[in-house]
Amino acid sequence: QLQLVESGGGLVQPGGSLRLSCAASGATSTRYAIGWFRQAPGKEREGVSCISSADSKADYADSVKGRFTISRDRGKNTAYLQINSLKPEDTAIYYCGATSNARYIYGCTLEPWYDTWGQGTQVTVSS
């Protein structure tokens, strides 16, 4: 059974950068589309980026385009989210999700239709 573990969060000043990791175990993550989501206090979970399973086609929320970059290392069974030019409004718990749904072999979704989730990693942007 696939398990996901996020890491890389922390406290960073505005304008800084972080690279979040989503390490998979228990199954080959390359069969799965991966999505990154975030949830700030009092807000709903928001999809920020995703990557398809077969061709690594990526998608981004408008609020993060140009600042966030999703990638995956198939050899390490890990997906990454590079976050640049961090803003205080990026403060949230960041989660990764995975789905083997055949709809997302050559695409992905920013909706929370993922089967497996990690426990999240906290990102705090503050001076």
Foldseek 3Di string as FASTA:
>chain_A
DKAWAKDWADEAAAQAKIKIKIAIDPDQQLLKKKWKWWDDPPGDIWTAKIAFNAPRDMDGDPVQPPFWDWDDDRVRSMIMIIGGRDDQVVWTWMKMFIANPPVRNPHDDRPPPGDYIHPTDTHGYHD
